Amino acid sequence: MILFDTEQTESANGFPQFRGKAVGRRSALPTQQTLTRYLKEMREALGLSGEVSVLLTTDKGIRGLNRRFRRKDKATDVLSFPVDDSEPVFSDGSAGDLAISVDTAARQAQEQGHALSVELRILMLHGLLHLAGYDHETDDGAMDRTERLLRERYRLPQGLIERVESSSSKAKAPVSAARRSPGLTPPAPSEKTSPIAKRVKKAAE
């Protein structure tokens, strides 16, 4: 499910600065339908059977989430929120949520020399890998290998882990105290949801 952050004006209005005839094709924000298709393809490739919500927000919005849940007062590109048993049920079999700053994604797309749609796919893939139980900060390279494999499948350029190694990305590990074992088979679906589920549910209503 692709959602716009209703707490941020630009996001609530569908990011008009990235839409319209005046915006070049490389800088255009894909439609919700297109992003939903990308999400579905990658989620199925990873074997994530649960619902995944992607919150498209601004630098200000993601900075607030990063400050609240990671105690880091700065914007980033993508945050992953695996299901958390301390939260009430949001939807059956939820695999977790992602939050993506479209502002940061647009800058990174320009820096990397590709379209905004490509950068959003890279960010979604990275976030979904975290929801599937991977963690490049603690594993033996399993996440990097899987990310490379899937990038080749979807013909995507350099991934976030490679950029981290060259100190040019701000991507973060999942917002979760629990460490999960890496592997293609994700953890069993949980009946609980992630820390931002209430906010995502409100945005969907």
N, C-alpha and C. Protein backbone atom coordinates (compact mmCIF):
# COMPACT_ATOMS: atom_id res chain seq x y z
N MET A 1 0.84 -1.18 0.00
CA MET A 1 0.00 0.00 0.00
C MET A 1 0.89 1.25 0.00
N ILE A 2 0.67 2.13 -0.94
CA ILE A 2 1.43 3.38 -1.03
C ILE A 2 0.58 4.51 -0.46
N LEU A 3 1.12 5.21 0.53
CA LEU A 3 0.38 6.27 1.21
C LEU A 3 1.17 7.57 1.22
N PHE A 4 0.47 8.68 1.17
CA PHE A 4 1.09 9.99 1.30
C PHE A 4 0.92 10.47 2.74
N ASP A 5 1.97 11.05 3.28
CA ASP A 5 1.97 11.53 4.66
C ASP A 5 1.06 12.75 4.79
N THR A 6 -0.09 12.56 5.41
CA THR A 6 -1.06 13.64 5.54
C THR A 6 -0.62 14.72 6.52
N GLU A 7 0.44 14.45 7.30
CA GLU A 7 0.93 15.44 8.25
C GLU A 7 1.90 16.43 7.61
N GLN A 8 2.28 16.18 6.36
CA GLN A 8 3.19 17.06 5.64
C GLN A 8 2.46 17.61 4.41
N THR A 9 2.39 18.93 4.29
CA THR A 9 1.60 19.57 3.24
C THR A 9 1.96 19.10 1.84
N GLU A 10 3.26 19.09 1.50
CA GLU A 10 3.66 18.69 0.15
C GLU A 10 3.25 17.25 -0.15
N SER A 11 3.45 16.38 0.84
CA SER A 11 3.07 14.98 0.66
C SER A 11 1.56 14.83 0.56
N ALA A 12 0.84 15.52 1.44
CA ALA A 12 -0.63 15.44 1.44
C ALA A 12 -1.20 15.87 0.10
N ASN A 13 -0.49 16.79 -0.59
CA ASN A 13 -0.94 17.28 -1.90
C ASN A 13 -0.36 16.46 -3.05
N GLY A 14 0.29 15.35 -2.73
CA GLY A 14 0.81 14.47 -3.77
C GLY A 14 2.11 14.92 -4.39
N PHE A 15 2.90 15.72 -3.67
CA PHE A 15 4.18 16.24 -4.14
C PHE A 15 4.04 16.91 -5.52
N PRO A 16 3.32 18.03 -5.59
CA PRO A 16 3.12 18.71 -6.87
C PRO A 16 4.42 19.14 -7.55
N GLN A 17 5.48 19.36 -6.76
CA GLN A 17 6.76 19.78 -7.35
C GLN A 17 7.40 18.69 -8.19
N PHE A 18 6.91 17.46 -8.04
CA PHE A 18 7.44 16.33 -8.81
C PHE A 18 6.42 15.80 -9.82
N ARG A 19 5.43 16.63 -10.13
CA ARG A 19 4.39 16.22 -11.07
C ARG A 19 4.13 17.34 -12.07
N GLY A 20 3.39 17.03 -13.12
CA GLY A 20 3.00 18.05 -14.09
C GLY A 20 3.89 18.10 -15.32
N LYS A 21 3.46 18.86 -16.30
CA LYS A 21 4.16 18.95 -17.58
C LYS A 21 5.52 19.62 -17.46
N ALA A 22 5.66 20.50 -16.46
CA ALA A 22 6.92 21.23 -16.31
C ALA A 22 8.03 20.36 -15.75
N VAL A 23 7.66 19.22 -15.16
CA VAL A 23 8.65 18.32 -14.55
C VAL A 23 9.14 17.34 -15.61
N GLY A 24 10.44 17.23 -15.73
CA GLY A 24 11.01 16.29 -16.68
C GLY A 24 10.69 14.85 -16.30
N ARG A 25 10.79 13.96 -17.26
CA ARG A 25 10.45 12.56 -17.02
C ARG A 25 11.32 11.94 -15.94
N ARG A 26 12.60 12.31 -15.91
CA ARG A 26 13.51 11.73 -14.92
C ARG A 26 13.21 12.20 -13.50
N SER A 27 12.61 13.38 -13.39
CA SER A 27 12.32 13.95 -12.06
C SER A 27 10.88 13.71 -11.62
N ALA A 28 10.08 13.05 -12.44
CA ALA A 28 8.66 12.86 -12.14
C ALA A 28 8.44 11.76 -11.11
N LEU A 29 7.49 12.01 -10.22
CA LEU A 29 7.11 11.00 -9.23
C LEU A 29 6.16 10.01 -9.89
N PRO A 30 6.46 8.71 -9.81
CA PRO A 30 5.56 7.71 -10.39
C PRO A 30 4.19 7.75 -9.72
N THR A 31 3.19 7.25 -10.40
CA THR A 31 1.85 7.20 -9.83
C THR A 31 1.79 6.17 -8.71
N GLN A 32 0.76 6.27 -7.87
CA GLN A 32 0.57 5.28 -6.82
C GLN A 32 0.42 3.88 -7.41
N GLN A 33 -0.24 3.79 -8.54
CA GLN A 33 -0.44 2.49 -9.19
C GLN A 33 0.90 1.88 -9.60
N THR A 34 1.77 2.69 -10.18
CA THR A 34 3.09 2.21 -10.59
C THR A 34 3.92 1.80 -9.39
N LEU A 35 3.94 2.61 -8.34
CA LEU A 35 4.70 2.29 -7.14
C LEU A 35 4.14 1.04 -6.46
N THR A 36 2.83 0.88 -6.48
CA THR A 36 2.21 -0.31 -5.90
C THR A 36 2.65 -1.56 -6.65
N ARG A 37 2.77 -1.45 -7.97
CA ARG A 37 3.23 -2.58 -8.77
C ARG A 37 4.68 -2.94 -8.43
N TYR A 38 5.53 -1.93 -8.31
CA TYR A 38 6.92 -2.17 -7.92
C TYR A 38 6.98 -2.88 -6.57
N LEU A 39 6.20 -2.37 -5.63
CA LEU A 39 6.18 -2.92 -4.28
C LEU A 39 5.75 -4.38 -4.30
N LYS A 40 4.70 -4.69 -5.03
CA LYS A 40 4.17 -6.05 -5.11
C LYS A 40 5.21 -7.01 -5.71
N GLU A 41 5.85 -6.58 -6.79
CA GLU A 41 6.85 -7.44 -7.44
C GLU A 41 7.99 -7.78 -6.50
N MET A 42 8.53 -6.79 -5.82
CA MET A 42 9.67 -7.02 -4.94
C MET A 42 9.27 -7.77 -3.68
N ARG A 43 8.08 -7.47 -3.16
CA ARG A 43 7.60 -8.18 -1.97
C ARG A 43 7.46 -9.67 -2.27
N GLU A 44 6.91 -10.00 -3.43
CA GLU A 44 6.74 -11.40 -3.81
C GLU A 44 8.08 -12.07 -4.07
N ALA A 45 9.02 -11.34 -4.64
CA ALA A 45 10.36 -11.90 -4.89
C ALA A 45 11.06 -12.28 -3.60
N LEU A 46 10.77 -11.55 -2.52
CA LEU A 46 11.38 -11.82 -1.22
C LEU A 46 10.56 -12.79 -0.38
N GLY A 47 9.39 -13.16 -0.86
CA GLY A 47 8.56 -14.08 -0.10
C GLY A 47 7.85 -13.44 1.08
N LEU A 48 7.70 -12.12 1.04
CA LEU A 48 6.98 -11.43 2.11
C LEU A 48 5.49 -11.51 1.82
N SER A 49 4.79 -12.32 2.58
CA SER A 49 3.36 -12.52 2.33
C SER A 49 2.48 -11.49 3.02
N GLY A 50 3.02 -10.83 4.02
CA GLY A 50 2.22 -9.85 4.76
C GLY A 50 2.08 -8.52 4.05
N GLU A 51 1.14 -7.74 4.51
CA GLU A 51 0.91 -6.40 3.97
C GLU A 51 2.09 -5.49 4.31
N VAL A 52 2.49 -4.66 3.35
CA VAL A 52 3.54 -3.67 3.57
C VAL A 52 2.98 -2.31 3.17
N SER A 53 3.09 -1.34 4.08
CA SER A 53 2.68 0.02 3.79
C SER A 53 3.92 0.88 3.60
N VAL A 54 3.90 1.69 2.54
CA VAL A 54 5.02 2.60 2.27
C VAL A 54 4.50 4.03 2.41
N LEU A 55 5.03 4.74 3.38
CA LEU A 55 4.64 6.12 3.64
C LEU A 55 5.60 7.05 2.90
N LEU A 56 5.09 7.78 1.91
CA LEU A 56 5.89 8.76 1.20
C LEU A 56 5.79 10.08 1.95
N THR A 57 6.93 10.58 2.39
CA THR A 57 6.94 11.78 3.21
C THR A 57 8.02 12.74 2.74
N THR A 58 8.20 13.80 3.49
CA THR A 58 9.21 14.83 3.19
C THR A 58 10.43 14.64 4.07
N ASP A 59 11.46 15.45 3.84
CA ASP A 59 12.62 15.42 4.74
C ASP A 59 12.20 15.74 6.17
N LYS A 60 11.30 16.71 6.32
CA LYS A 60 10.82 17.08 7.66
C LYS A 60 10.09 15.91 8.30
N GLY A 61 9.25 15.25 7.52
CA GLY A 61 8.49 14.13 8.06
C GLY A 61 9.37 12.97 8.48
N ILE A 62 10.33 12.60 7.66
CA ILE A 62 11.18 11.46 8.00
C ILE A 62 12.17 11.83 9.10
N ARG A 63 12.52 13.10 9.18
CA ARG A 63 13.38 13.54 10.28
C ARG A 63 12.66 13.35 11.61
N GLY A 64 11.37 13.67 11.62
CA GLY A 64 10.59 13.47 12.84
C GLY A 64 10.51 12.00 13.25
N LEU A 65 10.32 11.13 12.27
CA LEU A 65 10.29 9.69 12.55
C LEU A 65 11.65 9.20 13.02
N ASN A 66 12.70 9.67 12.39
CA ASN A 66 14.06 9.27 12.76
C ASN A 66 14.39 9.74 14.17
N ARG A 67 13.95 10.93 14.50
CA ARG A 67 14.19 11.47 15.84
C ARG A 67 13.39 10.69 16.88
N ARG A 68 12.14 10.39 16.55
CA ARG A 68 11.26 9.71 17.51
C ARG A 68 11.68 8.26 17.77
N PHE A 69 12.00 7.53 16.70
CA PHE A 69 12.24 6.10 16.85
C PHE A 69 13.71 5.70 16.89
N ARG A 70 14.61 6.57 16.40
CA ARG A 70 16.02 6.23 16.41
C ARG A 70 16.84 7.23 17.21
N ARG A 71 16.19 8.28 17.69
CA ARG A 71 16.86 9.34 18.44
C ARG A 71 17.99 9.98 17.64
N LYS A 72 17.76 10.10 16.33
CA LYS A 72 18.71 10.76 15.44
C LYS A 72 17.97 11.92 14.77
N ASP A 73 18.35 13.14 15.12
CA ASP A 73 17.63 14.32 14.67
C ASP A 73 18.14 14.79 13.30
N LYS A 74 17.87 13.98 12.28
CA LYS A 74 18.26 14.34 10.92
C LYS A 74 17.42 13.54 9.93
N ALA A 75 17.33 14.08 8.73
CA ALA A 75 16.59 13.39 7.68
C ALA A 75 17.41 12.22 7.15
N THR A 76 16.74 11.25 6.57
CA THR A 76 17.39 10.11 5.94
C THR A 76 16.58 9.74 4.71
N ASP A 77 16.95 8.67 4.03
CA ASP A 77 16.22 8.33 2.81
C ASP A 77 15.11 7.31 3.05
N VAL A 78 15.40 6.25 3.78
CA VAL A 78 14.39 5.22 4.02
C VAL A 78 14.53 4.67 5.44
N LEU A 79 13.40 4.43 6.07
CA LEU A 79 13.35 3.78 7.39
C LEU A 79 12.47 2.55 7.27
N SER A 80 12.91 1.46 7.90
CA SER A 80 12.13 0.22 7.90
C SER A 80 11.57 -0.01 9.30
N PHE A 81 10.30 -0.37 9.37
CA PHE A 81 9.64 -0.63 10.64
C PHE A 81 9.07 -2.04 10.64
N PRO A 82 9.86 -3.04 11.03
CA PRO A 82 9.32 -4.40 11.13
C PRO A 82 8.21 -4.44 12.17
N VAL A 83 7.39 -5.47 12.12
CA VAL A 83 6.31 -5.60 13.09
C VAL A 83 6.86 -5.65 14.50
N ASP A 84 6.13 -5.09 15.43
CA ASP A 84 6.56 -4.97 16.82
C ASP A 84 5.45 -5.51 17.70
N ASP A 85 5.76 -6.53 18.49
CA ASP A 85 4.74 -7.16 19.33
C ASP A 85 4.20 -6.24 20.43
N SER A 86 4.81 -5.10 20.62
CA SER A 86 4.32 -4.20 21.67
C SER A 86 3.17 -3.33 21.18
N GLU A 87 2.91 -3.36 19.89
CA GLU A 87 1.86 -2.51 19.32
C GLU A 87 0.58 -3.31 19.06
N PRO A 88 -0.58 -2.65 19.05
CA PRO A 88 -1.84 -3.32 18.77
C PRO A 88 -1.93 -3.77 17.32
N VAL A 89 -2.83 -4.68 17.05
CA VAL A 89 -2.99 -5.22 15.71
C VAL A 89 -3.44 -4.15 14.73
N PHE A 90 -2.80 -4.09 13.56
CA PHE A 90 -3.20 -3.17 12.49
C PHE A 90 -3.90 -3.95 11.40
N SER A 91 -3.24 -4.99 10.89
CA SER A 91 -3.86 -5.85 9.89
C SER A 91 -3.26 -7.23 10.00
N ASP A 92 -4.02 -8.24 9.65
CA ASP A 92 -3.55 -9.62 9.75
C ASP A 92 -2.33 -9.82 8.86
N GLY A 93 -1.30 -10.43 9.44
CA GLY A 93 -0.13 -10.78 8.66
C GLY A 93 0.67 -9.59 8.15
N SER A 94 0.66 -8.46 8.86
CA SER A 94 1.45 -7.31 8.43
C SER A 94 2.93 -7.64 8.49
N ALA A 95 3.67 -7.29 7.43
CA ALA A 95 5.11 -7.52 7.40
C ALA A 95 5.87 -6.29 7.89
N GLY A 96 5.17 -5.18 8.08
CA GLY A 96 5.81 -3.96 8.54
C GLY A 96 5.57 -2.80 7.61
N ASP A 97 6.23 -1.69 7.90
CA ASP A 97 6.06 -0.45 7.15
C ASP A 97 7.40 0.11 6.71
N LEU A 98 7.36 0.91 5.67
CA LEU A 98 8.52 1.68 5.23
C LEU A 98 8.13 3.15 5.20
N ALA A 99 9.08 4.00 5.47
CA ALA A 99 8.90 5.45 5.30
C ALA A 99 10.01 5.92 4.38
N ILE A 100 9.66 6.65 3.34
CA ILE A 100 10.64 7.13 2.36
C ILE A 100 10.49 8.63 2.19
N SER A 101 11.61 9.34 2.25
CA SER A 101 11.59 10.77 1.97
C SER A 101 11.73 10.97 0.47
N VAL A 102 10.70 11.50 -0.15
CA VAL A 102 10.75 11.77 -1.59
C VAL A 102 11.74 12.90 -1.87
N ASP A 103 11.88 13.85 -0.94
CA ASP A 103 12.85 14.93 -1.10
C ASP A 103 14.27 14.37 -1.23
N THR A 104 14.64 13.50 -0.29
CA THR A 104 15.97 12.91 -0.31
C THR A 104 16.14 11.99 -1.52
N ALA A 105 15.10 11.23 -1.83
CA ALA A 105 15.17 10.34 -2.99
C ALA A 105 15.44 11.13 -4.27
N ALA A 106 14.80 12.29 -4.41
CA ALA A 106 15.00 13.13 -5.60
C ALA A 106 16.44 13.63 -5.68
N ARG A 107 17.00 14.05 -4.55
CA ARG A 107 18.39 14.52 -4.55
C ARG A 107 19.35 13.38 -4.88
N GLN A 108 19.11 12.23 -4.29
CA GLN A 108 20.00 11.09 -4.54
C GLN A 108 19.89 10.61 -5.98
N ALA A 109 18.71 10.68 -6.55
CA ALA A 109 18.53 10.30 -7.95
C ALA A 109 19.37 11.21 -8.84
N GLN A 110 19.35 12.50 -8.54
CA GLN A 110 20.12 13.46 -9.33
C GLN A 110 21.61 13.19 -9.16
N GLU A 111 22.03 12.93 -7.92
CA GLU A 111 23.45 12.66 -7.66
C GLU A 111 23.92 11.40 -8.38
N GLN A 112 23.06 10.39 -8.43
CA GLN A 112 23.42 9.11 -9.04
C GLN A 112 23.21 9.09 -10.55
N GLY A 113 22.53 10.12 -11.07
CA GLY A 113 22.33 10.22 -12.51
C GLY A 113 21.25 9.32 -13.07
N HIS A 114 20.22 9.05 -12.26
CA HIS A 114 19.10 8.26 -12.77
C HIS A 114 17.77 8.89 -12.35
N ALA A 115 16.68 8.30 -12.81
CA ALA A 115 15.35 8.86 -12.57
C ALA A 115 14.90 8.68 -11.12
N LEU A 116 13.99 9.53 -10.70
CA LEU A 116 13.41 9.43 -9.36
C LEU A 116 12.74 8.08 -9.18
N SER A 117 12.08 7.58 -10.21
CA SER A 117 11.40 6.28 -10.12
C SER A 117 12.40 5.17 -9.81
N VAL A 118 13.58 5.25 -10.37
CA VAL A 118 14.63 4.25 -10.13
C VAL A 118 15.09 4.32 -8.67
N GLU A 119 15.31 5.53 -8.18
CA GLU A 119 15.76 5.69 -6.79
C GLU A 119 14.71 5.18 -5.81
N LEU A 120 13.45 5.43 -6.09
CA LEU A 120 12.39 4.95 -5.20
C LEU A 120 12.35 3.42 -5.18
N ARG A 121 12.59 2.79 -6.31
CA ARG A 121 12.64 1.32 -6.36
C ARG A 121 13.82 0.79 -5.54
N ILE A 122 14.96 1.47 -5.64
CA ILE A 122 16.14 1.07 -4.86
C ILE A 122 15.85 1.18 -3.37
N LEU A 123 15.21 2.27 -2.97
CA LEU A 123 14.89 2.48 -1.55
C LEU A 123 13.87 1.46 -1.06
N MET A 124 12.87 1.17 -1.88
CA MET A 124 11.87 0.17 -1.48
C MET A 124 12.51 -1.20 -1.33
N LEU A 125 13.38 -1.56 -2.28
CA LEU A 125 14.05 -2.86 -2.22
C LEU A 125 14.88 -2.97 -0.95
N HIS A 126 15.63 -1.94 -0.64
CA HIS A 126 16.47 -1.96 0.56
C HIS A 126 15.62 -2.10 1.82
N GLY A 127 14.54 -1.31 1.88
CA GLY A 127 13.67 -1.39 3.04
C GLY A 127 12.99 -2.74 3.18
N LEU A 128 12.55 -3.30 2.06
CA LEU A 128 11.89 -4.62 2.09
C LEU A 128 12.84 -5.71 2.55
N LEU A 129 14.11 -5.61 2.18
CA LEU A 129 15.09 -6.59 2.64
C LEU A 129 15.19 -6.58 4.16
N HIS A 130 15.14 -5.37 4.74
CA HIS A 130 15.14 -5.29 6.20
C HIS A 130 13.89 -5.92 6.79
N LEU A 131 12.74 -5.70 6.16
CA LEU A 131 11.51 -6.31 6.67
C LEU A 131 11.55 -7.82 6.55
N ALA A 132 12.32 -8.33 5.58
CA ALA A 132 12.44 -9.78 5.39
C ALA A 132 13.44 -10.40 6.36
N GLY A 133 14.06 -9.58 7.21
CA GLY A 133 14.94 -10.12 8.23
C GLY A 133 16.42 -9.88 8.00
N TYR A 134 16.78 -9.21 6.93
CA TYR A 134 18.19 -8.93 6.66
C TYR A 134 18.66 -7.69 7.41
N ASP A 135 19.95 -7.65 7.73
CA ASP A 135 20.54 -6.48 8.36
C ASP A 135 22.01 -6.40 7.96
N HIS A 136 22.32 -5.49 7.05
CA HIS A 136 23.69 -5.39 6.54
C HIS A 136 24.68 -4.92 7.58
N GLU A 137 24.19 -4.39 8.70
CA GLU A 137 25.10 -3.92 9.75
C GLU A 137 25.59 -5.07 10.62
N THR A 138 24.94 -6.22 10.56
CA THR A 138 25.32 -7.33 11.43
C THR A 138 25.53 -8.66 10.71
N ASP A 139 25.06 -8.78 9.47
CA ASP A 139 25.19 -10.08 8.80
C ASP A 139 26.55 -10.25 8.12
N ASP A 140 26.72 -11.37 7.44
CA ASP A 140 28.00 -11.70 6.82
C ASP A 140 28.01 -11.36 5.33
N GLY A 141 27.20 -10.41 4.93
CA GLY A 141 27.12 -10.03 3.53
C GLY A 141 25.91 -10.60 2.82
N ALA A 142 25.04 -11.31 3.57
CA ALA A 142 23.87 -11.94 2.96
C ALA A 142 22.93 -10.90 2.34
N MET A 143 22.75 -9.79 3.04
CA MET A 143 21.84 -8.77 2.51
C MET A 143 22.42 -8.15 1.24
N ASP A 144 23.71 -7.88 1.26
CA ASP A 144 24.38 -7.31 0.09
C ASP A 144 24.24 -8.24 -1.12
N ARG A 145 24.46 -9.53 -0.92
CA ARG A 145 24.36 -10.49 -2.03
C ARG A 145 22.94 -10.56 -2.57
N THR A 146 21.97 -10.56 -1.68
CA THR A 146 20.58 -10.65 -2.12
C THR A 146 20.15 -9.37 -2.82
N GLU A 147 20.59 -8.24 -2.29
CA GLU A 147 20.26 -6.96 -2.92
C GLU A 147 20.85 -6.89 -4.33
N ARG A 148 22.09 -7.35 -4.48
CA ARG A 148 22.73 -7.34 -5.80
C ARG A 148 21.97 -8.24 -6.77
N LEU A 149 21.57 -9.42 -6.29
CA LEU A 149 20.84 -10.36 -7.13
C LEU A 149 19.52 -9.76 -7.63
N LEU A 150 18.79 -9.12 -6.72
CA LEU A 150 17.51 -8.54 -7.10
C LEU A 150 17.69 -7.28 -7.95
N ARG A 151 18.74 -6.54 -7.69
CA ARG A 151 19.01 -5.38 -8.54
C ARG A 151 19.28 -5.81 -9.98
N GLU A 152 19.99 -6.90 -10.12
CA GLU A 152 20.23 -7.41 -11.48
C GLU A 152 18.93 -7.83 -12.13
N ARG A 153 18.06 -8.48 -11.37
CA ARG A 153 16.77 -8.92 -11.91
C ARG A 153 15.95 -7.73 -12.39
N TYR A 154 15.95 -6.65 -11.61
CA TYR A 154 15.14 -5.48 -11.96
C TYR A 154 15.93 -4.40 -12.70
N ARG A 155 17.17 -4.73 -13.07
CA ARG A 155 18.02 -3.81 -13.82
C ARG A 155 18.18 -2.47 -13.12
N LEU A 156 18.47 -2.53 -11.85
CA LEU A 156 18.67 -1.33 -11.06
C LEU A 156 20.17 -1.07 -10.87
N PRO A 157 20.58 0.18 -10.82
CA PRO A 157 22.00 0.51 -10.64
C PRO A 157 22.47 0.29 -9.21
N GLN A 158 23.60 0.87 -8.88
CA GLN A 158 24.24 0.69 -7.58
C GLN A 158 23.26 0.78 -6.42
N GLY A 159 23.36 -0.18 -5.52
CA GLY A 159 22.46 -0.24 -4.37
C GLY A 159 22.94 0.56 -3.18
N LEU A 160 22.10 0.62 -2.16
CA LEU A 160 22.41 1.44 -0.99
C LEU A 160 23.59 0.90 -0.20
N ILE A 161 23.73 -0.41 -0.13
CA ILE A 161 24.85 -0.96 0.65
C ILE A 161 26.17 -0.56 0.01
N GLU A 162 26.23 -0.60 -1.32
CA GLU A 162 27.45 -0.17 -2.01
C GLU A 162 27.73 1.30 -1.76
N ARG A 163 26.68 2.10 -1.69
CA ARG A 163 26.87 3.52 -1.42
C ARG A 163 27.32 3.74 0.02
N VAL A 164 26.79 2.93 0.94
CA VAL A 164 27.20 3.03 2.34
C VAL A 164 28.69 2.77 2.45
N GLU A 165 29.15 1.77 1.70
CA GLU A 165 30.57 1.42 1.74
C GLU A 165 31.44 2.56 1.24
N SER A 166 30.87 3.39 0.36
CA SER A 166 31.63 4.54 -0.14
C SER A 166 31.20 5.83 0.57
N SER A 167 30.44 5.68 1.67
CA SER A 167 30.01 6.79 2.53
C SER A 167 29.20 7.85 1.80
N SER A 168 28.35 7.41 0.86
CA SER A 168 27.54 8.38 0.13
C SER A 168 26.05 8.18 0.33
N SER A 169 25.63 7.30 1.25
CA SER A 169 24.21 7.08 1.49
C SER A 169 23.89 7.25 2.95
N LYS A 170 22.62 7.57 3.24
CA LYS A 170 22.17 7.73 4.61
C LYS A 170 21.16 6.64 5.00
N ALA A 171 21.11 5.56 4.26
CA ALA A 171 20.15 4.50 4.55
C ALA A 171 20.43 3.87 5.90
N LYS A 172 19.39 3.48 6.59
CA LYS A 172 19.54 2.97 7.93
C LYS A 172 19.01 1.55 8.06
N ALA A 173 19.51 0.87 9.08
CA ALA A 173 19.03 -0.46 9.41
C ALA A 173 17.60 -0.35 9.94
N PRO A 174 16.89 -1.47 10.06
CA PRO A 174 15.50 -1.41 10.50
C PRO A 174 15.36 -0.85 11.90
N VAL A 175 14.24 -0.18 12.13
CA VAL A 175 13.96 0.38 13.44
C VAL A 175 13.38 -0.72 14.31
N SER A 176 14.27 -1.47 14.91
CA SER A 176 13.86 -2.61 15.73
C SER A 176 15.01 -3.00 16.63
N ALA A 177 14.70 -3.29 17.88
CA ALA A 177 15.75 -3.71 18.81
C ALA A 177 16.15 -5.15 18.57
N ALA A 178 15.24 -5.93 18.03
CA ALA A 178 15.49 -7.34 17.81
C ALA A 178 16.30 -7.54 16.55
N ARG A 179 17.28 -8.45 16.58
CA ARG A 179 18.07 -8.81 15.42
C ARG A 179 17.52 -10.10 14.84
N ARG A 180 17.31 -10.11 13.53
CA ARG A 180 16.77 -11.31 12.89
C ARG A 180 17.85 -11.99 12.08
N SER A 181 17.73 -13.29 11.92
CA SER A 181 18.69 -14.05 11.14
C SER A 181 18.48 -13.78 9.66
N PRO A 182 19.57 -13.54 8.91
CA PRO A 182 19.42 -13.31 7.48
C PRO A 182 19.02 -14.56 6.74
N GLY A 183 18.32 -14.40 5.65
CA GLY A 183 17.91 -15.53 4.83
C GLY A 183 16.76 -15.14 3.93
N LEU A 184 16.56 -15.89 2.86
CA LEU A 184 15.49 -15.57 1.94
C LEU A 184 14.12 -15.81 2.55
N THR A 185 14.02 -16.76 3.48
CA THR A 185 12.74 -17.03 4.10
C THR A 185 12.52 -16.05 5.24
N PRO A 186 11.48 -15.21 5.15
CA PRO A 186 11.25 -14.21 6.18
C PRO A 186 10.72 -14.85 7.46
N PRO A 187 10.75 -14.11 8.57
CA PRO A 187 10.17 -14.61 9.80
C PRO A 187 8.68 -14.87 9.61
N ALA A 188 8.12 -15.73 10.47
CA ALA A 188 6.69 -16.03 10.38
C ALA A 188 5.89 -14.76 10.53
N PRO A 189 4.81 -14.57 9.76
CA PRO A 189 3.99 -13.37 9.86
C PRO A 189 3.51 -13.13 11.29
N SER A 190 3.52 -11.89 11.70
CA SER A 190 3.09 -11.53 13.04
C SER A 190 1.70 -10.94 13.01
N GLU A 191 1.00 -11.07 14.11
CA GLU A 191 -0.33 -10.46 14.22
C GLU A 191 -0.21 -9.01 14.65
N LYS A 192 1.00 -8.59 14.98
CA LYS A 192 1.20 -7.22 15.43
C LYS A 192 1.68 -6.35 14.28
N THR A 193 1.87 -5.09 14.57
CA THR A 193 2.26 -4.16 13.52
C THR A 193 3.44 -3.31 13.97
N SER A 194 3.89 -2.43 13.09
CA SER A 194 5.07 -1.63 13.37
C SER A 194 4.73 -0.40 14.19
N PRO A 195 5.76 0.30 14.68
CA PRO A 195 5.52 1.48 15.51
C PRO A 195 4.76 2.61 14.84
N ILE A 196 4.75 2.69 13.52
CA ILE A 196 4.01 3.79 12.87
C ILE A 196 2.69 3.32 12.28
N ALA A 197 2.23 2.16 12.65
CA ALA A 197 1.00 1.61 12.07
C ALA A 197 -0.21 2.50 12.29
N LYS A 198 -0.33 3.06 13.48
CA LYS A 198 -1.49 3.92 13.75
C LYS A 198 -1.49 5.12 12.81
N ARG A 199 -0.33 5.69 12.60
CA ARG A 199 -0.21 6.84 11.72
C ARG A 199 -0.54 6.46 10.29
N VAL A 200 -0.04 5.31 9.84
CA VAL A 200 -0.31 4.83 8.48
C VAL A 200 -1.79 4.53 8.31
N LYS A 201 -2.38 3.93 9.33
CA LYS A 201 -3.81 3.60 9.26
C LYS A 201 -4.64 4.87 9.15
N LYS A 202 -4.25 5.89 9.92
CA LYS A 202 -4.97 7.17 9.89
C LYS A 202 -4.87 7.80 8.50
N ALA A 203 -3.69 7.71 7.88
CA ALA A 203 -3.48 8.29 6.56
C ALA A 203 -4.31 7.57 5.50
N ALA A 204 -4.58 6.28 5.74
CA ALA A 204 -5.32 5.48 4.76
C ALA A 204 -6.82 5.74 4.83
N GLU A 205 -7.28 6.29 5.93
CA GLU A 205 -8.72 6.48 6.11
C GLU A 205 -9.24 7.70 5.37
